[in-house]
Amino acid sequence: MNNTSTSDSHAAADDDISIPWDQRNNNDVAEDGDHTKVGSLDLAKKGGFQNGLYPETEEELDKAEQVLSNELAKLSMNEHEEAMFDVVGLRNNAEEDAAFLDTKLAELDQELRKISGSRKKAYEAACKLNPEYVQGRKFRLTFLRSKQFDPKKAAGVIINHFDMKQKVFANYPAEIQGREVKFTDLSPDAREFVEGGHLQVSASNDAAGRSVVFHAAFQKNYRTLESFKQAIWYFMSCRSRNENVQQSGEVIVVYSGGEPEKMDIPVFLTQMRRAFASDIQAIHVCQTTMTMRFFLATLKLFLDNFTRFRLQEHRGTRQEINFALQTYGINTDDSPLRPDNTLDTTFHRKWLEAQKQYEENNFSQAILVPRRFDVLFGKSKQCTQHPGTMRCQLLAEINLEKYDKQGKTERNRIAEKIVHTIHESGGRFLKKDGNSATGAWEEVDFASARSKVTHFFRGLRERKQKIEKQPNMSTPKRGFDNGDENAALSTSTESLTTNTFDTSLISKRMRSPGTDSISESWEE
């Protein structure tokens, strides 16, 4: 398959949802230079499915799976490694600083200028409507981050974005093309689909710090394909404006079941991924029925190579599937799927309420899911056993002996160094904002963060003194109630001693995999 593309030769057929999927140009390529033949029939034809039908017999299924196996064998060693690293969350992301971002934004602007006017009509129309939004730094950075700062690929996705938006909201006033889509813009049917929680953001990230999305594909509560497209657009918009998703990527867990989707659905979803600043690094498809084996083989035939080889299948009982997901660092305790196959929408309702408030409050983001190295205020288990809180407590314990020997001024300086270390590694000091409807967090000021650190020192000292007063007691254990010290650190701190405080070393070695930027703001 040909992976080449030019900025001026954007074929529109594979983006046109109005054209039946089995009548689109089979030679179209993705103009972001990243994925090829989205929704084409070439690979399906190799499996003998010229009419776009999914395999219906064991013989047809075996043939389709053999074709897919042959495609996998064509990958180079580097491509295999990249796919594997993405699935487990070991991708190395770029370091971001002001100069780097300015350079990449300028390169992106140059790439957009190279694209012919006939191909970027929707983009230029949106620019005229609202240049501050379309050409804004925040909006464009979402696309650069999702493409690992490749300006040419990012430019292609921006063009695809406005082309697709024009199609999905063709019956809306033109002004919607120059701004973010709000929940109130959606049709009643689309709003009902979003509220149903069939797509939900998890209340926790995976072990690599990536956001997790659960999709109950077997439950369909939309009446028209148009409503479905609007709902998916809105959900992906909410995800793409999340800076943690931009910088660390996300993982999708699909619970499949029932009858296979019409192929227009997976083709549309693939096109949507090309039109958004989304970095989906892995898709886990969970199934308990043989029927879905047929559907998955068909789905893979129509996916692009990038997605196809990052799709993991998990078959078996619910317990077996949960165990498989846990081996990939996904917390299945936060799965919304109940044992009776109904959906728990408790967290989803809070997430959706936060999106609505974000839209009403001039797009000021709420923090719903603390990231890995955030330090949480509170006495609940969620707060005290959060990895970032435990890590901060360890930093205090490492420096307790030195801290106790100093006067007030020097003690404040040590506490401030710990605060800076947390900030430099991408962490924040968070407390609940008091809004029970969203359950959101808010970042505290520097003085409050320093006070939190001194609270750790005070608690450690009091516990140490209490233990020393008891006979036959050894040196106190580290301050972890559940003994999960390694999980909190993720990296070794053996070179740190109680007599030294190397903040640069801690900052460098305690970054979350895939989240190297110290300036990220992980906001839902």
Protein backbone atom coordinates (compact mmCIF):
# COMPACT_ATOMS: atom_id res chain seq x y z
CA MET A 1 0.00 0.00 0.00
CA ASN A 2 1.19 3.48 -0.83
CA ASN A 3 1.92 5.69 2.15
CA THR A 4 2.80 8.82 0.22
CA SER A 5 0.68 11.92 -0.01
CA THR A 6 1.03 15.59 -0.90
CA SER A 7 -0.47 18.65 0.67
CA ASP A 8 -2.23 19.69 -2.51
CA SER A 9 -3.82 16.41 -3.55
CA HIS A 10 -6.37 15.72 -0.87
CA ALA A 11 -8.92 13.21 -2.13
CA ALA A 12 -12.32 13.93 -0.66
CA ALA A 13 -14.17 10.73 -1.45
CA ASP A 14 -13.12 8.77 1.62
CA ASP A 15 -14.17 11.67 3.84
CA ASP A 16 -17.62 11.99 2.30
CA ILE A 17 -20.03 10.19 4.59
CA SER A 18 -22.84 10.76 2.07
CA ILE A 19 -21.17 8.36 -0.38
CA PRO A 20 -21.89 4.69 0.44
CA TRP A 21 -18.79 3.21 2.02
CA ASP A 22 -18.49 0.45 -0.59
CA GLN A 23 -18.53 3.01 -3.46
CA ARG A 24 -15.68 5.23 -2.31
CA ASN A 25 -12.39 5.58 -4.13
CA ASN A 26 -10.26 2.64 -3.07
CA ASN A 27 -7.03 4.48 -3.80
CA ASP A 28 -7.65 7.41 -1.48
CA VAL A 29 -4.97 8.01 1.11
CA ALA A 30 -5.06 9.89 4.36
CA GLU A 31 -3.63 13.33 3.86
CA ASP A 32 -2.10 13.59 7.29
CA GLY A 33 0.53 11.24 5.91
CA ASP A 34 -0.08 8.94 8.83
CA HIS A 35 -2.76 6.39 7.99
CA THR A 36 -3.61 4.84 4.63
CA LYS A 37 -6.76 3.81 2.82
CA VAL A 38 -9.28 4.67 5.52
CA GLY A 39 -12.47 2.78 4.72
CA SER A 40 -11.09 1.37 1.44
CA LEU A 41 -11.93 -2.07 0.14
CA ASP A 42 -8.46 -3.26 -0.90
CA LEU A 43 -7.76 -5.46 2.09
CA ALA A 44 -11.38 -6.63 2.24
CA LYS A 45 -11.14 -7.74 -1.39
CA LYS A 46 -8.11 -9.82 -0.50
CA GLY A 47 -10.41 -11.66 1.87
CA GLY A 48 -12.99 -12.16 -0.85
CA PHE A 49 -15.55 -9.65 0.45
CA GLN A 50 -16.03 -7.45 -2.59
CA ASN A 51 -19.53 -6.48 -1.56
CA GLY A 52 -18.47 -5.31 1.89
CA LEU A 53 -20.26 -8.10 3.74
CA TYR A 54 -18.71 -9.43 6.90
CA PRO A 55 -17.68 -13.12 6.90
CA GLU A 56 -20.61 -15.36 7.74
CA THR A 57 -19.07 -18.83 7.73
CA GLU A 58 -16.12 -20.39 9.52
CA GLU A 59 -14.35 -20.77 6.18
CA GLU A 60 -14.80 -17.08 5.36
CA LEU A 61 -13.68 -16.10 8.84
CA ASP A 62 -10.51 -18.18 8.56
CA LYS A 63 -9.74 -16.54 5.23
CA ALA A 64 -10.24 -13.03 6.62
CA GLU A 65 -8.03 -13.75 9.63
CA GLN A 66 -5.32 -15.15 7.35
CA VAL A 67 -5.34 -11.96 5.29
CA LEU A 68 -4.96 -9.93 8.50
CA SER A 69 -2.15 -12.19 9.68
CA ASN A 70 -0.34 -11.65 6.37
CA GLU A 71 -0.66 -7.88 6.78
CA LEU A 72 0.79 -8.08 10.27
CA ALA A 73 3.76 -10.06 8.95
CA LYS A 74 4.60 -7.16 6.60
CA LEU A 75 5.38 -4.83 9.49
CA SER A 76 9.02 -4.03 10.09
CA MET A 77 10.63 -4.70 13.46
CA ASN A 78 10.48 -0.98 14.27
CA GLU A 79 6.76 -0.84 13.40
CA HIS A 80 6.09 -3.85 15.61
CA GLU A 81 7.99 -2.21 18.45
CA GLU A 82 6.20 1.13 18.06
CA ALA A 83 2.80 -0.57 18.13
CA MET A 84 3.73 -2.62 21.20
CA PHE A 85 5.11 0.43 23.04
CA ASP A 86 1.93 2.38 22.29
CA VAL A 87 -0.29 -0.39 23.61
CA VAL A 88 1.55 -0.64 26.94
CA GLY A 89 2.17 3.12 27.26
CA LEU A 90 5.92 3.38 26.73
CA ARG A 91 6.00 6.02 24.02
CA ASN A 92 8.51 8.84 24.55
CA ASN A 93 6.83 12.21 24.10
CA ALA A 94 8.57 15.45 23.17
CA GLU A 95 9.82 17.89 25.78
CA GLU A 96 7.82 21.10 25.55
CA ASP A 97 9.16 24.57 26.23
CA ALA A 98 8.11 28.00 24.93
CA ALA A 99 10.76 28.17 22.19
CA PHE A 100 9.98 24.66 20.93
CA LEU A 101 6.24 25.34 20.82
CA ASP A 102 6.73 28.67 19.01
CA THR A 103 8.88 26.97 16.38
CA LYS A 104 6.40 24.16 15.76
CA LEU A 105 3.45 26.56 15.57
CA ALA A 106 5.30 28.60 12.94
CA GLU A 107 6.04 25.43 10.96
CA LEU A 108 2.39 24.42 11.19
CA ASP A 109 1.35 27.79 9.79
CA GLN A 110 3.73 27.26 6.86
CA GLU A 111 2.29 23.81 6.14
CA LEU A 112 -1.27 25.18 6.17
CA ARG A 113 -0.23 27.86 3.68
CA LYS A 114 1.14 25.21 1.31
CA ILE A 115 -2.23 23.46 1.00
CA SER A 116 -4.16 24.60 -2.05
CA GLY A 117 -7.16 26.85 -1.52
CA SER A 118 -9.52 24.40 -3.23
CA ARG A 119 -8.75 21.79 -0.57
CA LYS A 120 -9.12 24.04 2.46
CA LYS A 121 -12.38 25.85 1.72
CA ALA A 122 -14.02 24.74 4.96
CA TYR A 123 -10.92 25.74 6.94
CA GLU A 124 -10.76 29.19 5.34
CA ALA A 125 -14.49 29.73 5.90
CA ALA A 126 -14.02 28.96 9.59
CA CYS A 127 -11.05 31.35 9.74
CA LYS A 128 -13.23 34.18 8.41
CA LEU A 129 -15.92 33.40 10.98
CA ASN A 130 -13.62 33.33 13.99
CA PRO A 131 -9.88 33.71 13.32
CA GLU A 132 -9.09 33.97 17.05
CA TYR A 133 -10.44 30.46 17.59
CA VAL A 134 -9.20 28.72 14.42
CA GLN A 135 -5.76 30.30 14.45
CA GLY A 136 -5.44 30.37 18.23
CA ARG A 137 -2.40 28.89 19.91
CA LYS A 138 -4.43 26.60 22.20
CA PHE A 139 -6.50 25.12 19.36
CA ARG A 140 -3.53 24.44 17.09
CA LEU A 141 -1.41 22.93 19.84
CA THR A 142 -4.01 20.18 20.26
CA PHE A 143 -3.29 18.97 16.72
CA LEU A 144 0.48 19.28 17.00
CA ARG A 145 0.56 17.26 20.20
CA SER A 146 -1.66 14.54 18.78
CA LYS A 147 0.78 14.13 15.88
CA GLN A 148 3.94 14.22 18.01
CA PHE A 149 4.70 17.73 16.71
CA ASP A 150 4.83 16.75 13.05
CA PRO A 151 3.54 20.01 11.46
CA LYS A 152 2.66 18.45 8.11
CA LYS A 153 0.52 15.73 9.67
CA ALA A 154 -1.09 18.24 12.04
CA ALA A 155 -1.98 20.51 9.11
CA GLY A 156 -3.68 17.61 7.34
CA VAL A 157 -5.77 16.79 10.39
CA ILE A 158 -6.84 20.44 10.80
CA ILE A 159 -8.08 20.48 7.19
CA ASN A 160 -9.90 17.16 7.75
CA HIS A 161 -11.39 18.57 10.97
CA PHE A 162 -13.23 21.43 9.32
CA ASP A 163 -14.24 19.36 6.29
CA MET A 164 -15.84 16.78 8.58
CA LYS A 165 -17.40 19.39 10.83
CA GLN A 166 -19.07 20.97 7.81
CA LYS A 167 -20.62 17.61 6.91
CA VAL A 168 -21.72 16.58 10.41
CA PHE A 169 -23.36 19.97 11.10
CA ALA A 170 -24.45 20.75 7.56
CA ASN A 171 -27.96 21.78 8.67
CA TYR A 172 -26.73 24.17 11.38
CA PRO A 173 -26.08 27.92 11.12
CA ALA A 174 -22.64 28.65 9.66
CA GLU A 175 -21.36 30.26 12.87
CA ILE A 176 -20.95 26.84 14.52
CA GLN A 177 -18.05 26.17 12.15
CA GLY A 178 -15.99 28.87 13.84
CA ARG A 179 -16.34 27.76 17.46
CA GLU A 180 -16.49 24.73 19.72
CA VAL A 181 -19.66 22.68 19.63
CA LYS A 182 -21.62 22.86 22.88
CA PHE A 183 -23.90 20.27 24.45
CA THR A 184 -26.85 22.60 23.89
CA ASP A 185 -26.12 22.60 20.14
CA LEU A 186 -26.88 18.90 19.83
CA SER A 187 -30.21 17.49 18.72
CA PRO A 188 -32.39 15.94 21.48
CA ASP A 189 -31.53 12.47 20.20
CA ALA A 190 -27.79 13.23 20.24
CA ARG A 191 -28.00 14.67 23.77
CA GLU A 192 -29.79 11.52 24.93
CA PHE A 193 -27.02 9.37 23.46
CA VAL A 194 -24.33 11.40 25.26
CA GLU A 195 -26.24 11.32 28.55
CA GLY A 196 -26.72 7.55 28.31
CA GLY A 197 -23.05 6.96 29.06
CA HIS A 198 -22.37 4.53 26.24
CA LEU A 199 -19.10 6.43 25.91
CA GLN A 200 -17.58 7.26 29.30
CA VAL A 201 -14.32 8.66 30.60
CA SER A 202 -12.90 6.49 33.39
CA ALA A 203 -12.53 7.96 36.86
CA SER A 204 -8.89 6.82 36.83
CA ASN A 205 -6.04 6.66 34.34
CA ASP A 206 -4.09 3.60 33.33
CA ALA A 207 -0.72 2.72 34.86
CA ALA A 208 1.06 4.87 32.27
CA GLY A 209 -1.00 7.93 33.18
CA ARG A 210 -3.17 7.83 30.05
CA SER A 211 -6.87 8.61 30.05
CA VAL A 212 -9.18 5.61 29.59
CA VAL A 213 -12.50 5.67 27.72
CA PHE A 214 -15.07 2.88 28.07
CA HIS A 215 -17.43 2.22 25.16
CA ALA A 216 -20.47 -0.04 25.54
CA ALA A 217 -20.82 -0.84 21.84
CA PHE A 218 -23.55 -3.40 22.40
CA GLN A 219 -25.99 -0.75 23.67
CA LYS A 220 -27.36 1.59 21.02
CA ASN A 221 -29.79 4.32 21.99
CA TYR A 222 -29.58 6.64 18.99
CA ARG A 223 -32.42 6.86 16.49
CA THR A 224 -30.61 8.28 13.47
CA LEU A 225 -27.08 8.10 12.11
CA GLU A 226 -27.00 11.92 12.03
CA SER A 227 -27.59 12.08 15.79
CA PHE A 228 -24.92 9.47 16.37
CA LYS A 229 -22.41 11.53 14.39
CA GLN A 230 -23.22 14.68 16.34
CA ALA A 231 -22.84 12.86 19.67
CA ILE A 232 -19.50 11.34 18.68
CA TRP A 233 -18.27 14.75 17.49
CA TYR A 234 -19.17 16.32 20.83
CA PHE A 235 -17.53 13.56 22.88
CA MET A 236 -14.33 13.68 20.83
CA SER A 237 -14.29 17.48 21.12
CA CYS A 238 -14.38 17.17 24.90
CA ARG A 239 -11.55 14.66 24.83
CA SER A 240 -9.31 16.56 22.42
CA ARG A 241 -9.38 19.77 24.47
CA ASN A 242 -8.05 17.86 27.48
CA GLU A 243 -4.31 18.59 27.68
CA ASN A 244 -3.45 15.28 29.31
CA VAL A 245 -5.09 13.46 26.40
CA GLN A 246 -3.11 15.65 23.99
CA GLN A 247 0.20 14.98 25.70
CA SER A 248 -0.17 11.41 26.97
CA GLY A 249 -2.74 9.90 24.61
CA GLU A 250 -5.66 7.70 25.59
CA VAL A 251 -6.83 4.10 25.62
CA ILE A 252 -10.24 2.83 24.50
CA VAL A 253 -11.94 -0.20 26.07
CA VAL A 254 -14.81 -1.51 23.93
CA TYR A 255 -17.38 -3.91 25.36
CA SER A 256 -18.87 -5.57 22.30
CA GLY A 257 -21.87 -7.83 21.93
CA GLY A 258 -25.07 -8.27 20.00
CA GLU A 259 -25.25 -7.88 16.25
CA PRO A 260 -22.38 -6.39 14.22
CA GLU A 261 -22.63 -2.70 13.34
CA LYS A 262 -23.33 -1.57 9.82
CA MET A 263 -19.96 -0.86 8.26
CA ASP A 264 -20.84 2.85 7.90
CA ILE A 265 -20.32 3.15 11.68
CA PRO A 266 -16.71 1.90 11.99
CA VAL A 267 -15.75 3.71 8.78
CA PHE A 268 -17.19 6.95 10.15
CA LEU A 269 -15.39 6.46 13.48
CA THR A 270 -12.11 5.93 11.64
CA GLN A 271 -12.66 9.12 9.66
CA MET A 272 -13.49 10.98 12.85
CA ARG A 273 -10.19 9.94 14.36
CA ARG A 274 -8.46 11.44 11.35
CA ALA A 275 -10.38 14.69 11.86
CA PHE A 276 -9.57 15.19 15.54
CA ALA A 277 -6.53 15.87 17.68
CA SER A 278 -6.85 12.41 19.17
CA ASP A 279 -3.97 10.11 19.99
CA ILE A 280 -5.60 6.73 20.58
CA GLN A 281 -2.66 4.51 21.42
CA ALA A 282 -4.55 1.28 22.10
CA ILE A 283 -8.02 -0.20 21.67
CA HIS A 284 -9.06 -3.16 23.80
CA VAL A 285 -12.09 -5.02 22.41
CA CYS A 286 -13.73 -7.27 24.99
CA GLN A 287 -16.17 -9.96 23.93
CA THR A 288 -17.80 -13.07 25.28
CA THR A 289 -19.54 -14.33 22.13
CA MET A 290 -18.36 -16.06 18.96
CA THR A 291 -20.46 -13.65 16.88
CA MET A 292 -18.07 -10.81 17.69
CA ARG A 293 -15.13 -12.77 16.30
CA PHE A 294 -16.75 -12.39 12.89
CA PHE A 295 -17.35 -8.70 13.43
CA LEU A 296 -13.81 -8.04 14.65
CA ALA A 297 -12.29 -9.69 11.60
CA THR A 298 -14.44 -7.48 9.39
CA LEU A 299 -13.66 -4.37 11.39
CA LYS A 300 -9.94 -4.95 11.12
CA LEU A 301 -10.24 -5.33 7.36
CA PHE A 302 -11.52 -1.76 7.13
CA LEU A 303 -9.27 -0.11 9.70
CA ASP A 304 -6.07 1.70 8.81
CA ASN A 305 -2.81 -0.04 9.68
CA PHE A 306 -2.02 2.31 12.57
CA THR A 307 -5.22 1.37 14.41
CA ARG A 308 -5.41 -2.23 13.24
CA PHE A 309 -2.20 -3.29 14.92
CA ARG A 310 -2.96 -1.45 18.16
CA LEU A 311 -6.22 -3.29 18.64
CA GLN A 312 -6.14 -5.97 21.33
CA GLU A 313 -8.81 -8.67 21.59
CA HIS A 314 -9.90 -10.16 24.92
CA ARG A 315 -12.30 -13.12 24.95
CA GLY A 316 -13.64 -15.07 27.89
CA THR A 317 -15.67 -14.58 31.03
CA ARG A 318 -16.03 -11.16 32.64
CA GLN A 319 -13.41 -12.12 35.24
CA GLU A 320 -10.97 -13.28 32.56
CA ILE A 321 -11.46 -10.10 30.56
CA ASN A 322 -10.95 -7.91 33.63
CA PHE A 323 -7.73 -9.74 34.44
CA ALA A 324 -6.50 -9.23 30.87
CA LEU A 325 -7.24 -5.49 31.04
CA GLN A 326 -5.47 -5.22 34.40
CA THR A 327 -2.31 -6.66 32.87
CA TYR A 328 -2.31 -3.58 30.62
CA GLY A 329 -2.59 -1.27 33.63
CA ILE A 330 -6.32 -0.54 33.32
CA ASN A 331 -8.26 -0.21 36.56
CA THR A 332 -11.36 -2.33 35.94
CA ASP A 333 -12.85 -1.26 39.28
CA ASP A 334 -13.79 1.97 37.49
CA SER A 335 -15.47 0.19 34.60
CA PRO A 336 -19.06 1.42 34.23
CA LEU A 337 -20.29 -2.00 33.07
CA ARG A 338 -22.22 -3.77 35.82
CA PRO A 339 -22.51 -7.57 36.08
CA ASP A 340 -26.02 -7.41 34.60
CA ASN A 341 -24.67 -5.47 31.56
CA THR A 342 -26.30 -2.20 32.61
CA LEU A 343 -24.22 0.96 32.88
CA ASP A 344 -23.24 2.87 35.99
CA THR A 345 -23.33 6.55 35.02
CA THR A 346 -22.42 8.07 38.40
CA PHE A 347 -19.05 9.46 37.35
CA HIS A 348 -20.24 10.10 33.80
CA ARG A 349 -22.95 12.45 35.05
CA LYS A 350 -20.33 14.43 36.97
CA TRP A 351 -18.08 14.50 33.92
CA LEU A 352 -20.89 15.73 31.68
CA GLU A 353 -21.92 18.38 34.21
CA ALA A 354 -18.31 19.62 34.24
CA GLN A 355 -18.36 19.89 30.43
CA LYS A 356 -21.56 21.93 30.56
CA GLN A 357 -20.10 24.25 33.19
CA TYR A 358 -16.96 24.56 31.10
CA GLU A 359 -19.06 25.69 28.15
CA GLU A 360 -21.12 28.08 30.26
CA ASN A 361 -18.07 29.59 31.99
CA ASN A 362 -16.23 30.71 28.87
CA PHE A 363 -14.48 27.36 28.48
CA SER A 364 -12.68 27.34 31.82
CA GLN A 365 -11.81 23.71 32.50
CA ALA A 366 -12.62 21.75 35.65
CA ILE A 367 -10.26 19.05 36.96
CA LEU A 368 -12.18 15.80 37.34
CA VAL A 369 -9.49 13.13 37.35
CA PRO A 370 -6.25 13.96 39.21
CA ARG A 371 -3.19 12.94 37.28
CA ARG A 372 -0.61 10.53 38.57
CA PHE A 373 1.73 12.92 40.40
CA ASP A 374 -0.90 15.31 41.81
CA VAL A 375 -0.93 15.74 45.61
CA LEU A 376 -4.47 15.55 46.99
CA PHE A 377 -5.80 17.33 50.07
CA GLY A 378 -8.10 15.21 52.22
CA LYS A 379 -8.18 12.26 54.60
CA SER A 380 -10.02 9.75 52.41
CA LYS A 381 -8.31 6.67 51.02
CA GLN A 382 -8.52 8.19 47.54
CA CYS A 383 -6.42 11.13 48.76
CA THR A 384 -3.94 9.46 51.12
CA GLN A 385 -3.17 6.53 48.81
CA HIS A 386 -3.02 8.50 45.58
CA PRO A 387 0.47 7.94 44.04
CA GLY A 388 1.25 11.67 43.96
CA THR A 389 0.33 12.13 47.63
CA MET A 390 2.40 9.11 48.65
CA ARG A 391 5.32 10.35 46.58
CA CYS A 392 5.21 13.78 48.23
CA GLN A 393 5.14 12.10 51.65
CA LEU A 394 8.21 10.06 50.70
CA LEU A 395 10.06 13.22 49.65
CA ALA A 396 9.28 14.67 53.07
CA GLU A 397 10.47 11.51 54.80
CA ILE A 398 13.72 11.50 52.83
CA ASN A 399 14.45 15.01 54.11
CA LEU A 400 12.98 14.69 57.62
CA GLU A 401 16.33 14.45 59.46
CA LYS A 402 17.71 17.50 57.69
CA TYR A 403 14.42 19.38 58.15
CA ASP A 404 14.34 18.80 61.92
CA LYS A 405 17.86 20.21 62.35
CA GLN A 406 17.00 23.57 60.74
CA GLY A 407 15.38 26.79 61.89
CA LYS A 408 12.06 28.10 60.60
CA THR A 409 13.49 29.91 57.56
CA GLU A 410 15.47 26.92 56.33
CA ARG A 411 12.54 24.58 56.98
CA ASN A 412 10.34 26.73 54.75
CA ARG A 413 13.01 26.60 52.07
CA ILE A 414 13.11 22.78 52.16
CA ALA A 415 9.30 22.60 51.97
CA GLU A 416 9.32 25.02 49.03
CA LYS A 417 11.87 22.85 47.22
CA ILE A 418 9.54 19.88 47.53
CA VAL A 419 6.66 21.95 46.13
CA HIS A 420 8.85 22.97 43.19
CA THR A 421 9.84 19.34 42.64
CA ILE A 422 6.19 18.30 42.44
CA HIS A 423 5.39 21.12 40.03
CA GLU A 424 8.43 20.45 37.83
CA SER A 425 7.43 16.82 37.36
CA GLY A 426 3.93 17.77 36.22
CA GLY A 427 2.13 17.45 39.55
CA ARG A 428 -0.23 19.86 41.25
CA PHE A 429 -1.64 20.32 44.75
CA LEU A 430 -5.40 19.84 44.51
CA LYS A 431 -8.41 20.13 46.80
CA LYS A 432 -12.12 19.59 46.15
CA ASP A 433 -13.78 22.71 44.77
CA GLY A 434 -16.95 22.20 46.83
CA ASN A 435 -19.18 21.52 43.81
CA SER A 436 -20.89 18.23 44.62
CA ALA A 437 -22.52 18.13 41.17
CA THR A 438 -19.20 17.67 39.40
CA GLY A 439 -16.90 16.41 42.16
CA ALA A 440 -14.18 18.53 40.57
CA TRP A 441 -10.81 19.52 42.01
CA GLU A 442 -9.08 22.88 42.00
CA GLU A 443 -5.42 23.78 42.29
CA VAL A 444 -4.36 25.55 45.49
CA ASP A 445 -1.90 28.46 45.70
CA PHE A 446 1.78 28.06 46.48
CA ALA A 447 1.42 28.94 50.17
CA SER A 448 -1.23 26.25 50.66
CA ALA A 449 0.94 23.72 48.84
CA ARG A 450 3.89 24.55 51.11
CA SER A 451 1.62 24.19 54.14
CA LYS A 452 0.63 20.71 52.93
CA VAL A 453 4.30 19.69 52.79
CA THR A 454 4.99 21.03 56.30
CA HIS A 455 1.95 19.03 57.43
CA PHE A 456 3.67 15.89 56.11
CA PHE A 457 6.84 16.77 58.04
CA ARG A 458 4.85 17.38 61.23
CA GLY A 459 2.97 14.10 60.92
CA LEU A 460 6.15 12.12 60.26
CA ARG A 461 7.89 13.71 63.26
CA GLU A 462 4.97 12.97 65.59
CA ARG A 463 4.80 9.37 64.51
CA LYS A 464 8.56 8.96 64.88
CA GLN A 465 8.45 10.40 68.40
CA LYS A 466 5.55 8.15 69.33
CA ILE A 467 7.38 5.05 68.16
CA GLU A 468 10.63 6.05 69.89
CA LYS A 469 8.80 6.25 73.23
CA GLN A 470 7.71 2.65 72.90
CA PRO A 471 10.24 -0.01 74.04
CA ASN A 472 11.79 -2.51 71.64
CA MET A 473 10.59 -0.65 68.54
CA SER A 474 12.79 -0.27 65.50
CA THR A 475 13.00 2.64 63.09
CA PRO A 476 9.54 3.50 61.75
CA LYS A 477 8.49 2.12 58.45
CA ARG A 478 7.97 4.41 55.50
CA GLY A 479 4.73 6.32 55.42
CA PHE A 480 2.63 4.03 53.27
CA ASP A 481 -0.45 2.37 54.67
CA ASN A 482 -0.74 -0.15 51.86
CA GLY A 483 2.96 -0.84 51.33
CA ASP A 484 2.67 0.21 47.69
CA GLU A 485 5.81 2.32 47.69
CA ASN A 486 7.02 1.12 44.31
CA ALA A 487 3.73 1.94 42.64
CA ALA A 488 3.91 5.49 43.95
CA LEU A 489 7.42 6.13 42.74
CA SER A 490 7.50 4.22 39.44
CA THR A 491 11.25 4.91 39.44
CA SER A 492 14.02 4.28 41.91
CA THR A 493 15.12 6.82 44.47
CA GLU A 494 17.99 4.81 45.90
CA SER A 495 20.52 7.59 45.21
CA LEU A 496 18.65 10.05 47.42
CA THR A 497 19.76 10.21 51.03
CA THR A 498 18.44 11.89 54.15
CA ASN A 499 21.34 14.33 54.08
CA THR A 500 20.97 15.59 50.53
CA PHE A 501 18.16 17.05 48.51
CA ASP A 502 18.68 16.65 44.76
CA THR A 503 15.53 18.17 43.30
CA SER A 504 16.78 17.98 39.72
CA LEU A 505 17.26 14.23 40.04
CA ILE A 506 13.82 13.69 41.55
CA SER A 507 12.21 15.89 38.93
CA LYS A 508 13.91 14.05 36.09
CA ARG A 509 13.43 10.50 37.34
CA MET A 510 9.89 10.74 38.65
CA ARG A 511 8.13 11.83 35.50
CA SER A 512 5.21 9.77 34.35
CA PRO A 513 5.90 7.67 31.22
CA GLY A 514 4.59 9.53 28.21
CA THR A 515 4.12 12.74 30.21
CA ASP A 516 7.48 14.49 30.05
CA SER A 517 6.24 18.05 29.97
CA ILE A 518 6.37 19.83 33.30
CA SER A 519 3.94 22.46 32.07
CA GLU A 520 1.03 20.18 31.22
CA SER A 521 -2.40 20.89 32.67
CA TRP A 522 -4.47 17.74 32.89
CA GLU A 523 -7.96 19.07 32.95
CA GLU A 524 -11.19 17.42 32.08
